[in-house]
């Protein structure tokens, strides 16, 4: 990749919000490195190249240490500064904590938390040294709610929210910005993969990932610290979560996330 366009790196970019975020960057003249573990990342690249941008794919499992290092090695070999880093890769799992598999919960931690910290640790020093760069971390409105029947997933998003806000403070004297993107339930493959299609939230109408991505891109470019993104309903829920007690939020989340099989 030898272009003169700015470079954006987007993880979890094969579909959903990640793909739509990558599309935003392509439409605004960025070259791209997109990463995901599934073959759909190659199809995503074909679509993104239609915007006239240079797109490189890295098919890798970011839930592993070696996977993150493989992505970082590719970025280093490209010898181009990363202008925007989108830490979007994530996974969820529905169900009662006592009934879910430990391996599934561990993967949430490895992908949502460990890979985000790992890649940020690799990329941020270069941004700070150049005094230029933007980081977008896909948190969630779930970060503000105790996640009954999604306990580890919501907790992972709470970690990301706290992590983003801490970085904002640490980097306040630099020109590097960190933005936390907080979508609500969005029309992606998330609920199918999390085995939550038989829940109220799984069946409910969801936000458009393109809308979430457009709002997220605009917030990133504006240097905003965080944004509840999506529909007016989601934004209203974000406001309500500031004042509702954790007990009430946990009870409400249970009603939405508990499987009918568990009743």
C-alpha atoms as a PDB file:
ATOM      1  CA  UNK A   1       0.000   0.000   0.000  1.00  0.00           C
ATOM      2  CA  UNK A   2       1.891   3.028  -1.299  1.00  0.00           C
ATOM      3  CA  UNK A   3      -0.913   5.566  -1.690  1.00  0.00           C
ATOM      4  CA  UNK A   4      -0.937   9.071  -0.333  1.00  0.00           C
ATOM      5  CA  UNK A   5      -4.459   8.834   1.077  1.00  0.00           C
ATOM      6  CA  UNK A   6      -4.906   8.646   4.847  1.00  0.00           C
ATOM      7  CA  UNK A   7      -5.099   5.084   6.172  1.00  0.00           C
ATOM      8  CA  UNK A   8      -7.857   3.618   8.350  1.00  0.00           C
ATOM      9  CA  UNK A   9      -7.742   0.228  10.045  1.00  0.00           C
ATOM     10  CA  UNK A  10     -11.107  -1.369  10.832  1.00  0.00           C
ATOM     11  CA  UNK A  11     -11.513  -4.629  12.745  1.00  0.00           C
ATOM     12  CA  UNK A  12     -14.625  -6.771  12.492  1.00  0.00           C
ATOM     13  CA  UNK A  13     -15.200  -5.266   9.062  1.00  0.00           C
ATOM     14  CA  UNK A  14     -16.688  -8.181   7.142  1.00  0.00           C
ATOM     15  CA  UNK A  15     -20.298  -7.231   7.936  1.00  0.00           C
ATOM     16  CA  UNK A  16     -22.563  -5.170  10.149  1.00  0.00           C
ATOM     17  CA  UNK A  17     -21.402  -1.981  11.821  1.00  0.00           C
ATOM     18  CA  UNK A  18     -17.748  -2.706  11.027  1.00  0.00           C
ATOM     19  CA  UNK A  19     -18.397  -2.979   7.314  1.00  0.00           C
ATOM     20  CA  UNK A  20     -20.501   0.172   7.330  1.00  0.00           C
ATOM     21  CA  UNK A  21     -17.772   2.040   9.201  1.00  0.00           C
ATOM     22  CA  UNK A  22     -15.232   0.893   6.622  1.00  0.00           C
ATOM     23  CA  UNK A  23     -17.600   2.136   3.912  1.00  0.00           C
ATOM     24  CA  UNK A  24     -17.705   5.557   5.555  1.00  0.00           C
ATOM     25  CA  UNK A  25     -13.920   5.781   5.426  1.00  0.00           C
ATOM     26  CA  UNK A  26     -13.836   4.592   1.802  1.00  0.00           C
ATOM     27  CA  UNK A  27     -16.400   7.218   0.829  1.00  0.00           C
ATOM     28  CA  UNK A  28     -14.263   9.890   2.476  1.00  0.00           C
ATOM     29  CA  UNK A  29     -11.058   9.003   0.635  1.00  0.00           C
ATOM     30  CA  UNK A  30      -9.277   6.731   3.094  1.00  0.00           C
ATOM     31  CA  UNK A  31      -7.286   3.672   2.132  1.00  0.00           C
ATOM     32  CA  UNK A  32      -8.212   0.709   4.281  1.00  0.00           C
ATOM     33  CA  UNK A  33      -6.883  -2.297   6.089  1.00  0.00           C
ATOM     34  CA  UNK A  34      -9.867  -4.391   7.133  1.00  0.00           C
ATOM     35  CA  UNK A  35      -9.641  -7.420   9.394  1.00  0.00           C
ATOM     36  CA  UNK A  36     -12.031 -10.237  10.266  1.00  0.00           C
ATOM     37  CA  UNK A  37     -11.838 -13.975  10.787  1.00  0.00           C
ATOM     38  CA  UNK A  38     -14.345 -15.029   8.120  1.00  0.00           C
ATOM     39  CA  UNK A  39     -14.104 -15.212   4.348  1.00  0.00           C
ATOM     40  CA  UNK A  40     -16.720 -12.463   3.986  1.00  0.00           C
ATOM     41  CA  UNK A  41     -13.936  -9.932   4.585  1.00  0.00           C
ATOM     42  CA  UNK A  42     -12.779 -10.545   1.005  1.00  0.00           C
ATOM     43  CA  UNK A  43     -16.245  -9.875  -0.371  1.00  0.00           C
ATOM     44  CA  UNK A  44     -16.409  -6.725   1.732  1.00  0.00           C
ATOM     45  CA  UNK A  45     -13.142  -5.539   0.191  1.00  0.00           C
ATOM     46  CA  UNK A  46     -14.530  -5.966  -3.318  1.00  0.00           C
ATOM     47  CA  UNK A  47     -17.435  -3.665  -2.470  1.00  0.00           C
ATOM     48  CA  UNK A  48     -15.222  -1.115  -0.736  1.00  0.00           C
ATOM     49  CA  UNK A  49     -12.842  -0.898  -3.702  1.00  0.00           C
ATOM     50  CA  UNK A  50     -15.750   0.354  -5.791  1.00  0.00           C
ATOM     51  CA  UNK A  51     -15.238   3.707  -4.040  1.00  0.00           C
ATOM     52  CA  UNK A  52     -11.802   3.987  -5.638  1.00  0.00           C
ATOM     53  CA  UNK A  53      -9.849   3.280  -2.478  1.00  0.00           C
ATOM     54  CA  UNK A  54      -6.981   0.881  -1.813  1.00  0.00           C
ATOM     55  CA  UNK A  55      -8.213  -1.942   0.433  1.00  0.00           C
ATOM     56  CA  UNK A  56      -6.078  -4.642   2.015  1.00  0.00           C
ATOM     57  CA  UNK A  57      -7.684  -7.568   3.849  1.00  0.00           C
ATOM     58  CA  UNK A  58      -6.273  -9.475   6.797  1.00  0.00           C
ATOM     59  CA  UNK A  59      -8.165 -12.641   7.626  1.00  0.00           C
ATOM     60  CA  UNK A  60      -7.220 -13.375  11.197  1.00  0.00           C
ATOM     61  CA  UNK A  61      -8.716 -14.434  14.537  1.00  0.00           C
ATOM     62  CA  UNK A  62      -8.249 -11.405  16.752  1.00  0.00           C
ATOM     63  CA  UNK A  63      -9.392 -13.375  19.799  1.00  0.00           C
ATOM     64  CA  UNK A  64      -5.860 -14.781  19.882  1.00  0.00           C
ATOM     65  CA  UNK A  65      -2.619 -13.003  20.772  1.00  0.00           C
ATOM     66  CA  UNK A  66      -0.963 -14.292  17.599  1.00  0.00           C
ATOM     67  CA  UNK A  67      -3.875 -13.033  15.526  1.00  0.00           C
ATOM     68  CA  UNK A  68      -3.444  -9.479  16.753  1.00  0.00           C
ATOM     69  CA  UNK A  69       0.308  -9.696  16.230  1.00  0.00           C
ATOM     70  CA  UNK A  70      -0.273 -10.896  12.659  1.00  0.00           C
ATOM     71  CA  UNK A  71      -2.428  -7.848  11.954  1.00  0.00           C
ATOM     72  CA  UNK A  72       0.103  -5.549  13.594  1.00  0.00           C
ATOM     73  CA  UNK A  73       2.927  -7.144  11.614  1.00  0.00           C
ATOM     74  CA  UNK A  74       1.089  -6.404   8.399  1.00  0.00           C
ATOM     75  CA  UNK A  75       0.519  -2.805   9.421  1.00  0.00           C
ATOM     76  CA  UNK A  76       4.186  -2.381  10.301  1.00  0.00           C
ATOM     77  CA  UNK A  77       5.294  -3.894   7.007  1.00  0.00           C
ATOM     78  CA  UNK A  78       3.105  -1.445   5.094  1.00  0.00           C
ATOM     79  CA  UNK A  79       5.244   1.405   6.469  1.00  0.00           C
ATOM     80  CA  UNK A  80       2.309   3.793   6.499  1.00  0.00           C
ATOM     81  CA  UNK A  81       1.042   5.710   9.493  1.00  0.00           C
ATOM     82  CA  UNK A  82      -2.373   4.710  10.791  1.00  0.00           C
ATOM     83  CA  UNK A  83      -4.548   7.813  10.715  1.00  0.00           C
ATOM     84  CA  UNK A  84      -7.701   6.173  12.083  1.00  0.00           C
ATOM     85  CA  UNK A  85      -8.007   2.999  14.145  1.00  0.00           C
ATOM     86  CA  UNK A  86     -11.466   1.459  14.509  1.00  0.00           C
ATOM     87  CA  UNK A  87     -11.528  -1.177  17.243  1.00  0.00           C
ATOM     88  CA  UNK A  88     -14.851  -2.725  16.388  1.00  0.00           C
ATOM     89  CA  UNK A  89     -14.409  -6.523  16.482  1.00  0.00           C
ATOM     90  CA  UNK A  90     -16.662  -8.132  19.058  1.00  0.00           C
ATOM     91  CA  UNK A  91     -18.855 -11.064  19.884  1.00  0.00           C
ATOM     92  CA  UNK A  92     -21.652 -11.842  22.343  1.00  0.00           C
ATOM     93  CA  UNK A  93     -23.388 -14.778  23.970  1.00  0.00           C
ATOM     94  CA  UNK A  94     -26.857 -14.933  25.407  1.00  0.00           C
ATOM     95  CA  UNK A  95     -28.075 -17.180  28.185  1.00  0.00           C
ATOM     96  CA  UNK A  96     -27.899 -17.629  31.941  1.00  0.00           C
ATOM     97  CA  UNK A  97     -24.324 -17.451  33.188  1.00  0.00           C
ATOM     98  CA  UNK A  98     -24.614 -20.804  34.989  1.00  0.00           C
ATOM     99  CA  UNK A  99     -25.651 -22.475  31.739  1.00  0.00           C
ATOM    100  CA  UNK A 100     -23.335 -20.943  29.125  1.00  0.00           C
ATOM    101  CA  UNK A 101     -20.030 -22.533  28.150  1.00  0.00           C
ATOM    102  CA  UNK A 102     -16.890 -21.127  29.707  1.00  0.00           C
ATOM    103  CA  UNK A 103     -15.188 -21.212  26.302  1.00  0.00           C
ATOM    104  CA  UNK A 104     -17.862 -18.919  24.852  1.00  0.00           C
ATOM    105  CA  UNK A 105     -17.527 -16.450  27.704  1.00  0.00           C
ATOM    106  CA  UNK A 106     -13.732 -16.539  27.490  1.00  0.00           C
ATOM    107  CA  UNK A 107     -13.908 -15.731  23.798  1.00  0.00           C
ATOM    108  CA  UNK A 108     -15.967 -12.621  24.569  1.00  0.00           C
ATOM    109  CA  UNK A 109     -13.218 -11.455  26.912  1.00  0.00           C
ATOM    110  CA  UNK A 110     -10.445 -12.353  24.472  1.00  0.00           C
ATOM    111  CA  UNK A 111     -12.017 -10.626  21.467  1.00  0.00           C
ATOM    112  CA  UNK A 112     -13.922  -7.716  22.968  1.00  0.00           C
ATOM    113  CA  UNK A 113     -11.400  -6.762  25.639  1.00  0.00           C
ATOM    114  CA  UNK A 114      -7.976  -8.334  25.115  1.00  0.00           C
ATOM    115  CA  UNK A 115      -7.716  -7.683  21.380  1.00  0.00           C
ATOM    116  CA  UNK A 116      -8.848  -4.075  21.801  1.00  0.00           C
ATOM    117  CA  UNK A 117      -6.224  -3.390  24.460  1.00  0.00           C
ATOM    118  CA  UNK A 118      -3.558  -5.280  22.499  1.00  0.00           C
ATOM    119  CA  UNK A 119      -4.042  -3.457  19.204  1.00  0.00           C
ATOM    120  CA  UNK A 120      -4.422  -0.079  20.902  1.00  0.00           C
ATOM    121  CA  UNK A 121      -1.122  -0.735  22.696  1.00  0.00           C
ATOM    122  CA  UNK A 122       0.577  -1.348  19.346  1.00  0.00           C
ATOM    123  CA  UNK A 123      -0.913   1.535  17.338  1.00  0.00           C
ATOM    124  CA  UNK A 124      -1.324   4.392  19.812  1.00  0.00           C
ATOM    125  CA  UNK A 125       2.397   5.058  20.470  1.00  0.00           C
ATOM    126  CA  UNK A 126       2.925   5.875  16.790  1.00  0.00           C
ATOM    127  CA  UNK A 127      -0.075   8.190  16.750  1.00  0.00           C
ATOM    128  CA  UNK A 128       1.142  10.045  19.820  1.00  0.00           C
ATOM    129  CA  UNK A 129       4.679  10.302  18.415  1.00  0.00           C
ATOM    130  CA  UNK A 130       3.240  11.954  15.276  1.00  0.00           C
ATOM    131  CA  UNK A 131       0.732  13.913  17.379  1.00  0.00           C
ATOM    132  CA  UNK A 132      -1.985  12.861  14.956  1.00  0.00           C
ATOM    133  CA  UNK A 133      -4.631  10.158  14.878  1.00  0.00           C
ATOM    134  CA  UNK A 134      -8.161   9.125  15.713  1.00  0.00           C
ATOM    135  CA  UNK A 135      -9.353   6.021  17.563  1.00  0.00           C
ATOM    136  CA  UNK A 136     -12.928   4.731  17.557  1.00  0.00           C
ATOM    137  CA  UNK A 137     -13.843   2.026  20.072  1.00  0.00           C
ATOM    138  CA  UNK A 138     -17.168   0.292  19.534  1.00  0.00           C
ATOM    139  CA  UNK A 139     -18.639   0.072  23.003  1.00  0.00           C
ATOM    140  CA  UNK A 140     -22.405  -0.234  23.351  1.00  0.00           C
ATOM    141  CA  UNK A 141     -25.386   1.179  25.156  1.00  0.00           C
ATOM    142  CA  UNK A 142     -25.086  -2.176  26.961  1.00  0.00           C
ATOM    143  CA  UNK A 143     -22.094  -0.676  28.786  1.00  0.00           C
ATOM    144  CA  UNK A 144     -24.535   1.310  30.919  1.00  0.00           C
ATOM    145  CA  UNK A 145     -26.703  -1.651  31.969  1.00  0.00           C
ATOM    146  CA  UNK A 146     -26.109  -4.766  34.094  1.00  0.00           C
ATOM    147  CA  UNK A 147     -26.560  -7.467  31.458  1.00  0.00           C
ATOM    148  CA  UNK A 148     -28.811 -10.130  32.915  1.00  0.00           C
ATOM    149  CA  UNK A 149     -28.621 -13.120  30.521  1.00  0.00           C
ATOM    150  CA  UNK A 150     -25.750 -11.374  28.718  1.00  0.00           C
ATOM    151  CA  UNK A 151     -23.616 -10.880  31.787  1.00  0.00           C
ATOM    152  CA  UNK A 152     -20.126 -11.199  30.309  1.00  0.00           C
ATOM    153  CA  UNK A 153     -20.959  -9.330  27.102  1.00  0.00           C
ATOM    154  CA  UNK A 154     -22.333  -6.265  28.882  1.00  0.00           C
ATOM    155  CA  UNK A 155     -19.424  -6.348  31.316  1.00  0.00           C
ATOM    156  CA  UNK A 156     -16.986  -6.400  28.388  1.00  0.00           C
ATOM    157  CA  UNK A 157     -18.622  -3.302  26.959  1.00  0.00           C
ATOM    158  CA  UNK A 158     -18.424  -1.584  30.342  1.00  0.00           C
ATOM    159  CA  UNK A 159     -14.685  -2.293  30.275  1.00  0.00           C
ATOM    160  CA  UNK A 160     -14.369  -0.752  26.821  1.00  0.00           C
ATOM    161  CA  UNK A 161     -16.298   2.318  27.920  1.00  0.00           C
ATOM    162  CA  UNK A 162     -14.036   2.843  30.919  1.00  0.00           C
ATOM    163  CA  UNK A 163     -10.930   2.120  28.832  1.00  0.00           C
ATOM    164  CA  UNK A 164     -11.902   4.693  26.204  1.00  0.00           C
ATOM    165  CA  UNK A 165     -12.617   7.361  28.791  1.00  0.00           C
ATOM    166  CA  UNK A 166      -9.317   6.707  30.564  1.00  0.00           C
ATOM    167  CA  UNK A 167      -7.397   7.029  27.298  1.00  0.00           C
ATOM    168  CA  UNK A 168      -9.187  10.289  26.563  1.00  0.00           C
ATOM    169  CA  UNK A 169      -7.859  11.733  29.793  1.00  0.00           C
ATOM    170  CA  UNK A 170      -4.340  10.355  29.356  1.00  0.00           C
ATOM    171  CA  UNK A 171      -4.087  11.755  25.815  1.00  0.00           C
ATOM    172  CA  UNK A 172      -5.773  15.113  26.479  1.00  0.00           C
ATOM    173  CA  UNK A 173      -2.543  17.025  25.880  1.00  0.00           C
ATOM    174  CA  UNK A 174      -2.023  15.430  22.467  1.00  0.00           C
ATOM    175  CA  UNK A 175      -3.875  15.798  19.180  1.00  0.00           C
ATOM    176  CA  UNK A 176      -4.895  12.120  19.276  1.00  0.00           C
ATOM    177  CA  UNK A 177      -8.611  11.633  19.933  1.00  0.00           C
ATOM    178  CA  UNK A 178     -10.501   8.631  21.285  1.00  0.00           C
ATOM    179  CA  UNK A 179     -14.233   8.227  20.653  1.00  0.00           C
ATOM    180  CA  UNK A 180     -16.532   5.634  22.186  1.00  0.00           C
ATOM    181  CA  UNK A 181     -19.337   4.528  19.873  1.00  0.00           C
ATOM    182  CA  UNK A 182     -22.370   3.236  21.769  1.00  0.00           C
ATOM    183  CA  UNK A 183     -24.945   1.580  19.496  1.00  0.00           C
ATOM    184  CA  UNK A 184     -28.131  -0.020  20.675  1.00  0.00           C
ATOM    185  CA  UNK A 185     -29.561  -3.243  19.181  1.00  0.00           C
ATOM    186  CA  UNK A 186     -28.605  -3.106  15.506  1.00  0.00           C
ATOM    187  CA  UNK A 187     -29.595  -5.180  12.473  1.00  0.00           C
ATOM    188  CA  UNK A 188     -26.502  -7.379  12.181  1.00  0.00           C
ATOM    189  CA  UNK A 189     -25.590 -11.040  12.645  1.00  0.00           C
ATOM    190  CA  UNK A 190     -24.929 -10.412  16.335  1.00  0.00           C
ATOM    191  CA  UNK A 191     -28.127 -11.890  17.772  1.00  0.00           C
ATOM    192  CA  UNK A 192     -27.978 -14.999  15.575  1.00  0.00           C
ATOM    193  CA  UNK A 193     -24.376 -15.659  16.585  1.00  0.00           C
ATOM    194  CA  UNK A 194     -25.226 -15.003  20.234  1.00  0.00           C
ATOM    195  CA  UNK A 195     -28.114 -17.522  20.043  1.00  0.00           C
ATOM    196  CA  UNK A 196     -30.644 -14.878  21.015  1.00  0.00           C
ATOM    197  CA  UNK A 197     -33.177 -15.027  18.197  1.00  0.00           C
ATOM    198  CA  UNK A 198     -35.828 -16.373  20.597  1.00  0.00           C
ATOM    199  CA  UNK A 199     -35.545 -13.406  22.951  1.00  0.00           C
ATOM    200  CA  UNK A 200     -37.546 -10.184  22.903  1.00  0.00           C
ATOM    201  CA  UNK A 201     -34.507  -8.177  21.873  1.00  0.00           C
ATOM    202  CA  UNK A 202     -33.638 -10.755  19.230  1.00  0.00           C
ATOM    203  CA  UNK A 203     -37.098 -10.444  17.676  1.00  0.00           C
ATOM    204  CA  UNK A 204     -37.458  -6.686  18.076  1.00  0.00           C
ATOM    205  CA  UNK A 205     -36.954  -4.113  15.355  1.00  0.00           C
ATOM    206  CA  UNK A 206     -33.366  -2.912  15.339  1.00  0.00           C
ATOM    207  CA  UNK A 207     -31.352   0.077  14.172  1.00  0.00           C
ATOM    208  CA  UNK A 208     -29.795   0.408  10.733  1.00  0.00           C
ATOM    209  CA  UNK A 209     -26.029  -0.297  10.857  1.00  0.00           C
ATOM    210  CA  UNK A 210     -25.432   2.276   8.115  1.00  0.00           C
ATOM    211  CA  UNK A 211     -27.057   4.956  10.274  1.00  0.00           C
ATOM    212  CA  UNK A 212     -24.989   3.902  13.295  1.00  0.00           C
ATOM    213  CA  UNK A 213     -21.788   3.990  11.239  1.00  0.00           C
ATOM    214  CA  UNK A 214     -22.491   7.391   9.714  1.00  0.00           C
ATOM    215  CA  UNK A 215     -23.151   8.884  13.132  1.00  0.00           C
ATOM    216  CA  UNK A 216     -20.059   7.171  14.519  1.00  0.00           C
ATOM    217  CA  UNK A 217     -17.828   8.442  11.718  1.00  0.00           C
ATOM    218  CA  UNK A 218     -19.087  11.993  12.168  1.00  0.00           C
ATOM    219  CA  UNK A 219     -18.476  11.784  15.934  1.00  0.00           C
ATOM    220  CA  UNK A 220     -14.957  10.478  15.350  1.00  0.00           C
ATOM    221  CA  UNK A 221     -14.107  13.256  12.906  1.00  0.00           C
ATOM    222  CA  UNK A 222     -15.490  15.822  15.341  1.00  0.00           C
ATOM    223  CA  UNK A 223     -13.374  14.417  18.160  1.00  0.00           C
ATOM    224  CA  UNK A 224     -16.379  13.681  20.346  1.00  0.00           C
ATOM    225  CA  UNK A 225     -15.638  11.552  23.420  1.00  0.00           C
ATOM    226  CA  UNK A 226     -18.700   9.325  23.086  1.00  0.00           C
ATOM    227  CA  UNK A 227     -21.935   8.933  21.177  1.00  0.00           C
ATOM    228  CA  UNK A 228     -25.079   6.882  21.692  1.00  0.00           C
ATOM    229  CA  UNK A 229     -25.734   6.077  18.039  1.00  0.00           C
ATOM    230  CA  UNK A 230     -28.748   4.913  16.093  1.00  0.00           C
ATOM    231  CA  UNK A 231     -32.441   5.718  16.227  1.00  0.00           C
ATOM    232  CA  UNK A 232     -34.230   8.228  18.423  1.00  0.00           C
ATOM    233  CA  UNK A 233     -35.481   5.281  20.493  1.00  0.00           C
ATOM    234  CA  UNK A 234     -31.913   4.199  21.205  1.00  0.00           C
ATOM    235  CA  UNK A 235     -30.848   7.730  22.046  1.00  0.00           C
ATOM    236  CA  UNK A 236     -33.801   8.043  24.428  1.00  0.00           C
ATOM    237  CA  UNK A 237     -32.764   4.798  26.098  1.00  0.00           C
ATOM    238  CA  UNK A 238     -29.282   6.202  26.529  1.00  0.00           C
ATOM    239  CA  UNK A 239     -30.729   9.213  28.346  1.00  0.00           C
ATOM    240  CA  UNK A 240     -32.970   7.021  30.512  1.00  0.00           C
ATOM    241  CA  UNK A 241     -30.048   4.806  31.512  1.00  0.00           C
ATOM    242  CA  UNK A 242     -28.360   7.799  33.134  1.00  0.00           C
ATOM    243  CA  UNK A 243     -31.096   8.075  35.748  1.00  0.00           C
ATOM    244  CA  UNK A 244     -32.526   4.575  36.169  1.00  0.00           C
ATOM    245  CA  UNK A 245     -31.162   2.454  39.007  1.00  0.00           C
ATOM    246  CA  UNK A 246     -28.980  -0.549  38.227  1.00  0.00           C
ATOM    247  CA  UNK A 247     -31.638  -2.797  39.772  1.00  0.00           C
ATOM    248  CA  UNK A 248     -34.307  -1.529  37.390  1.00  0.00           C
ATOM    249  CA  UNK A 249     -31.980  -1.685  34.390  1.00  0.00           C
ATOM    250  CA  UNK A 250     -30.998  -5.274  35.218  1.00  0.00           C
ATOM    251  CA  UNK A 251     -34.643  -6.279  35.504  1.00  0.00           C
ATOM    252  CA  UNK A 252     -35.482  -4.612  32.204  1.00  0.00           C
ATOM    253  CA  UNK A 253     -32.544  -6.262  30.491  1.00  0.00           C
ATOM    254  CA  UNK A 254     -33.683  -9.633  31.776  1.00  0.00           C
ATOM    255  CA  UNK A 255     -37.107  -9.165  30.206  1.00  0.00           C
ATOM    256  CA  UNK A 256     -35.480  -8.427  26.854  1.00  0.00           C
ATOM    257  CA  UNK A 257     -32.627 -10.968  26.894  1.00  0.00           C
ATOM    258  CA  UNK A 258     -34.004 -14.035  28.665  1.00  0.00           C
ATOM    259  CA  UNK A 259     -34.764 -16.889  26.322  1.00  0.00           C
ATOM    260  CA  UNK A 260     -38.325 -18.165  26.220  1.00  0.00           C
ATOM    261  CA  UNK A 261     -36.826 -21.600  26.786  1.00  0.00           C
ATOM    262  CA  UNK A 262     -35.596 -20.402  30.182  1.00  0.00           C
ATOM    263  CA  UNK A 263     -39.054 -19.436  31.425  1.00  0.00           C
END
